[in-house]
């Protein structure tokens, strides 16, 4: 019997937790097994704040004309962590891009029935407990089609072109959510949008069921790797991530071994 078998067998896995393991095995150990206190960062604060405003809009707590003012009034108290000093001017850039998004926000809710807003879904793949929280699921009244919207606060562009790797990662996440919405709730989503807040853009894709099946295999394979893990090696190849972004940056014993 492995040292952490009981914890790993009972753990509720998620897209985020599996992503943590793939990025840094040691961070997974600290976060999900040893349950160390997590520390947020500027980027996670920004993402949560932006998501919360959109959630309030779709739940009819805020009207569309109230969004920019709410953003301005609540920005400072919602962004609790300092922005990294490099590159210069990033804090102001993020603020202005978010404000521009909400000042120009357009979405006609009357055309849709809202099916799910940040609602947690639980499922089981044999002996794997899995949890997911899709951002927004809608049904278009005119054609009765279902769609998923996933909000992102990262810049989708790199050197003036769409960042293909980032887009593929986001598509993979959406396909995972859609697969389980079909199987758990019988919500047959046919298309999905990556909604880039800072780019003020929505990119729409058609859902392909085979892509959903691929995500299930990824879950099974990754969990199998985690349950067989013994070394829990750190990823010390990304010093910026380790020192600025990692939720465990203040308890990680490898923090000074980056690069």
Protein backbone atom coordinates (compact mmCIF):
# COMPACT_ATOMS: atom_id res chain seq x y z
CA UNK A 1 0.00 0.00 0.00
CA UNK A 2 1.37 3.41 -1.00
CA UNK A 3 2.02 6.20 1.50
CA UNK A 4 -0.81 8.40 0.19
CA UNK A 5 -3.20 5.79 -1.24
CA UNK A 6 -6.08 6.59 1.10
CA UNK A 7 -5.93 10.32 0.34
CA UNK A 8 -5.51 9.85 -3.42
CA UNK A 9 -8.33 7.33 -3.68
CA UNK A 10 -10.75 9.66 -1.88
CA UNK A 11 -9.57 12.88 -3.50
CA UNK A 12 -12.00 14.84 -5.67
CA UNK A 13 -9.98 15.52 -8.81
CA UNK A 14 -10.59 18.47 -11.14
CA UNK A 15 -9.18 19.94 -14.32
CA UNK A 16 -7.22 22.36 -12.16
CA UNK A 17 -5.72 19.73 -9.86
CA UNK A 18 -4.66 17.50 -12.75
CA UNK A 19 -3.15 20.55 -14.44
CA UNK A 20 -1.20 21.28 -11.25
CA UNK A 21 0.24 17.77 -11.28
CA UNK A 22 1.26 18.02 -14.93
CA UNK A 23 2.97 21.33 -14.25
CA UNK A 24 4.70 20.42 -10.98
CA UNK A 25 4.41 17.13 -9.12
CA UNK A 26 5.68 18.68 -5.90
CA UNK A 27 3.08 21.47 -6.02
CA UNK A 28 0.37 18.80 -6.27
CA UNK A 29 1.80 17.08 -3.19
CA UNK A 30 1.78 20.32 -1.19
CA UNK A 31 -1.66 21.43 -2.34
CA UNK A 32 -3.81 18.32 -2.54
CA UNK A 33 -2.10 15.82 -0.25
CA UNK A 34 -0.41 17.84 2.48
CA UNK A 35 -3.12 20.53 2.27
CA UNK A 36 -0.73 23.43 2.73
CA UNK A 37 -2.36 26.88 2.82
CA UNK A 38 -2.47 28.35 -0.68
CA UNK A 39 -1.39 31.85 -1.59
CA UNK A 40 -3.11 33.62 -4.47
CA UNK A 41 -1.52 36.14 -6.79
CA UNK A 42 -2.40 39.19 -8.84
CA UNK A 43 -3.50 37.12 -11.83
CA UNK A 44 -5.78 34.80 -9.86
CA UNK A 45 -7.31 37.83 -8.10
CA UNK A 46 -7.93 39.48 -11.46
CA UNK A 47 -9.50 36.36 -12.90
CA UNK A 48 -11.80 35.79 -9.92
CA UNK A 49 -12.89 39.45 -9.91
CA UNK A 50 -13.67 39.45 -13.65
CA UNK A 51 -15.58 36.16 -13.33
CA UNK A 52 -17.57 37.50 -10.40
CA UNK A 53 -18.77 40.52 -12.39
CA UNK A 54 -19.95 38.37 -15.29
CA UNK A 55 -21.64 36.01 -12.83
CA UNK A 56 -23.50 38.97 -11.29
CA UNK A 57 -24.62 40.10 -14.74
CA UNK A 58 -25.95 36.71 -15.80
CA UNK A 59 -27.66 36.24 -12.43
CA UNK A 60 -29.38 39.63 -12.87
CA UNK A 61 -27.62 41.15 -9.87
CA UNK A 62 -26.00 43.80 -12.08
CA UNK A 63 -27.44 45.38 -15.19
CA UNK A 64 -25.26 45.88 -18.24
CA UNK A 65 -24.86 49.63 -17.68
CA UNK A 66 -23.63 49.03 -14.11
CA UNK A 67 -20.69 46.84 -15.05
CA UNK A 68 -18.00 49.52 -15.69
CA UNK A 69 -18.78 51.43 -12.49
CA UNK A 70 -18.84 48.23 -10.41
CA UNK A 71 -15.48 47.29 -11.90
CA UNK A 72 -13.98 50.67 -11.04
CA UNK A 73 -15.38 50.83 -7.51
CA UNK A 74 -14.40 47.30 -6.51
CA UNK A 75 -11.14 46.79 -8.35
CA UNK A 76 -8.67 47.79 -5.62
CA UNK A 77 -10.29 45.84 -2.81
CA UNK A 78 -10.70 42.75 -5.04
CA UNK A 79 -7.10 42.69 -6.29
CA UNK A 80 -5.40 41.82 -3.02
CA UNK A 81 -1.97 40.88 -4.32
CA UNK A 82 0.53 43.19 -5.99
CA UNK A 83 1.19 42.89 -9.68
CA UNK A 84 4.72 41.75 -10.60
CA UNK A 85 6.93 44.74 -11.44
CA UNK A 86 8.02 43.14 -14.71
CA UNK A 87 7.11 43.90 -17.39
CA UNK A 88 6.77 47.57 -16.54
CA UNK A 89 3.23 48.97 -16.65
CA UNK A 90 1.49 45.59 -16.49
CA UNK A 91 -0.80 46.55 -13.58
CA UNK A 92 -2.20 49.57 -15.42
CA UNK A 93 -2.50 47.59 -18.64
CA UNK A 94 -4.59 44.90 -16.96
CA UNK A 95 -6.82 47.48 -15.29
CA UNK A 96 -7.46 49.38 -18.52
CA UNK A 97 -8.12 46.26 -20.56
CA UNK A 98 -10.69 45.05 -18.04
CA UNK A 99 -12.36 48.45 -17.93
CA UNK A 100 -12.50 48.58 -21.74
CA UNK A 101 -14.14 45.15 -21.79
CA UNK A 102 -16.91 46.13 -19.39
CA UNK A 103 -17.41 49.57 -20.97
CA UNK A 104 -17.99 47.89 -24.34
CA UNK A 105 -19.75 44.80 -23.03
CA UNK A 106 -22.60 43.57 -25.21
CA UNK A 107 -24.72 40.49 -24.65
CA UNK A 108 -28.46 40.15 -25.14
CA UNK A 109 -29.61 37.79 -22.39
CA UNK A 110 -33.19 37.85 -23.68
CA UNK A 111 -32.17 35.51 -26.51
CA UNK A 112 -31.06 32.77 -24.11
CA UNK A 113 -32.20 30.61 -21.26
CA UNK A 114 -29.49 30.41 -18.62
CA UNK A 115 -28.89 26.76 -17.71
CA UNK A 116 -25.85 26.88 -15.45
CA UNK A 117 -23.77 29.70 -13.93
CA UNK A 118 -20.61 28.58 -12.12
CA UNK A 119 -22.54 25.52 -10.89
CA UNK A 120 -20.45 22.68 -9.48
CA UNK A 121 -20.96 19.26 -11.08
CA UNK A 122 -19.78 15.99 -9.54
CA UNK A 123 -19.22 12.70 -11.31
CA UNK A 124 -17.32 9.44 -11.03
CA UNK A 125 -15.17 7.59 -13.56
CA UNK A 126 -15.04 4.10 -12.06
CA UNK A 127 -13.12 4.86 -8.84
CA UNK A 128 -12.17 8.45 -9.74
CA UNK A 129 -14.14 11.26 -8.14
CA UNK A 130 -14.22 14.27 -10.44
CA UNK A 131 -15.55 17.81 -9.96
CA UNK A 132 -16.01 20.53 -12.57
CA UNK A 133 -17.33 24.10 -12.54
CA UNK A 134 -18.25 25.41 -16.02
CA UNK A 135 -18.49 29.20 -16.27
CA UNK A 136 -21.74 29.54 -18.20
CA UNK A 137 -24.14 27.26 -20.08
CA UNK A 138 -26.92 28.76 -22.22
CA UNK A 139 -29.75 27.54 -24.41
CA UNK A 140 -30.43 29.69 -27.45
CA UNK A 141 -34.20 30.13 -27.64
CA UNK A 142 -34.39 30.59 -31.40
CA UNK A 143 -32.86 27.25 -32.36
CA UNK A 144 -32.91 25.38 -29.02
CA UNK A 145 -29.15 24.81 -29.17
CA UNK A 146 -26.96 24.66 -26.07
CA UNK A 147 -23.63 26.44 -25.78
CA UNK A 148 -20.82 26.76 -23.24
CA UNK A 149 -18.98 30.02 -22.57
CA UNK A 150 -15.63 29.93 -20.82
CA UNK A 151 -14.07 33.19 -19.58
CA UNK A 152 -10.32 33.75 -19.84
CA UNK A 153 -8.22 36.67 -18.63
CA UNK A 154 -4.97 35.62 -20.29
CA UNK A 155 -3.90 37.29 -23.52
CA UNK A 156 -4.82 34.96 -26.38
CA UNK A 157 -2.25 36.51 -28.68
CA UNK A 158 1.50 36.06 -28.94
CA UNK A 159 3.56 38.27 -31.25
CA UNK A 160 0.37 39.50 -32.88
CA UNK A 161 -1.00 36.03 -33.64
CA UNK A 162 -3.30 33.68 -31.78
CA UNK A 163 -1.30 31.60 -29.31
CA UNK A 164 -2.08 28.15 -30.71
CA UNK A 165 -0.86 26.19 -27.69
CA UNK A 166 -2.90 28.30 -25.28
CA UNK A 167 -5.98 28.02 -27.48
CA UNK A 168 -5.63 24.23 -27.70
CA UNK A 169 -5.37 24.02 -23.90
CA UNK A 170 -8.54 26.08 -23.51
CA UNK A 171 -10.38 24.02 -26.12
CA UNK A 172 -9.36 20.86 -24.29
CA UNK A 173 -10.82 22.22 -21.05
CA UNK A 174 -14.08 23.16 -22.77
CA UNK A 175 -14.34 19.73 -24.39
CA UNK A 176 -13.90 18.13 -20.98
CA UNK A 177 -16.70 20.23 -19.48
CA UNK A 178 -19.02 19.56 -22.40
CA UNK A 179 -18.48 15.80 -22.26
CA UNK A 180 -19.57 15.69 -18.63
CA UNK A 181 -22.47 18.09 -19.15
CA UNK A 182 -23.75 15.61 -21.75
CA UNK A 183 -23.21 12.54 -19.55
CA UNK A 184 -24.26 13.99 -16.17
CA UNK A 185 -27.02 16.42 -17.11
CA UNK A 186 -27.90 15.35 -20.66
CA UNK A 187 -27.20 18.93 -21.78
CA UNK A 188 -26.22 18.34 -25.39
CA UNK A 189 -23.93 21.27 -26.11
CA UNK A 190 -23.10 21.72 -29.78
CA UNK A 191 -20.76 24.71 -29.66
CA UNK A 192 -18.62 26.65 -27.22
CA UNK A 193 -16.89 30.02 -26.96
CA UNK A 194 -13.62 31.07 -25.40
CA UNK A 195 -14.39 34.56 -24.12
CA UNK A 196 -11.15 36.51 -23.78
CA UNK A 197 -11.85 39.41 -21.44
CA UNK A 198 -8.63 41.38 -21.92
CA UNK A 199 -8.73 40.88 -25.69
CA UNK A 200 -12.43 41.80 -25.72
CA UNK A 201 -13.07 38.88 -28.07
CA UNK A 202 -15.07 35.65 -28.30
CA UNK A 203 -13.82 32.73 -30.36
CA UNK A 204 -16.44 30.09 -31.13
CA UNK A 205 -15.94 26.40 -31.92
CA UNK A 206 -18.12 23.41 -32.78
CA UNK A 207 -18.00 20.60 -30.24
CA UNK A 208 -16.72 17.29 -31.58
CA UNK A 209 -17.65 14.28 -29.39
CA UNK A 210 -14.38 12.47 -30.11
CA UNK A 211 -12.55 15.36 -28.44
CA UNK A 212 -14.63 14.83 -25.31
CA UNK A 213 -13.65 11.16 -25.20
CA UNK A 214 -9.99 12.18 -25.41
CA UNK A 215 -10.38 14.23 -22.23
CA UNK A 216 -11.74 11.20 -20.36
CA UNK A 217 -8.64 9.21 -21.29
CA UNK A 218 -6.49 12.11 -20.11
CA UNK A 219 -8.22 12.07 -16.73
CA UNK A 220 -7.80 8.32 -16.31
CA UNK A 221 -4.15 8.34 -17.39
CA UNK A 222 -3.20 11.33 -15.26
CA UNK A 223 -4.88 9.98 -12.13
CA UNK A 224 -3.12 6.65 -12.70
CA UNK A 225 0.20 8.50 -12.83
CA UNK A 226 -0.60 10.39 -9.63
CA UNK A 227 -1.55 7.21 -7.76
CA UNK A 228 1.69 5.57 -8.87
CA UNK A 229 3.85 8.62 -8.05
CA UNK A 230 6.64 8.15 -5.53
CA UNK A 231 9.20 10.92 -6.09
CA UNK A 232 7.02 14.08 -6.33
CA UNK A 233 9.72 15.98 -8.21
CA UNK A 234 9.49 19.78 -8.40
CA UNK A 235 9.47 21.69 -11.68
CA UNK A 236 12.35 24.14 -11.21
CA UNK A 237 12.59 25.18 -14.87
CA UNK A 238 10.24 28.18 -14.64
CA UNK A 239 11.56 30.67 -12.08
CA UNK A 240 8.94 33.33 -12.87
CA UNK A 241 6.09 30.92 -12.24
CA UNK A 242 7.68 29.54 -9.08
CA UNK A 243 8.43 32.90 -7.48
CA UNK A 244 5.42 34.92 -8.65
CA UNK A 245 2.50 32.59 -9.43
CA UNK A 246 2.68 29.26 -7.64
CA UNK A 247 0.15 28.97 -4.82
CA UNK A 248 2.79 27.23 -2.71
CA UNK A 249 5.62 29.69 -3.29
CA UNK A 250 5.99 30.52 0.42
CA UNK A 251 6.20 26.92 1.62
CA UNK A 252 8.13 25.31 -1.23
CA UNK A 253 11.59 24.16 -0.14
CA UNK A 254 12.79 24.24 -3.75
CA UNK A 255 11.94 27.90 -4.34
CA UNK A 256 15.60 28.98 -4.52
CA UNK A 257 16.60 26.20 -6.88
CA UNK A 258 14.78 27.58 -9.93
CA UNK A 259 16.51 28.08 -13.25
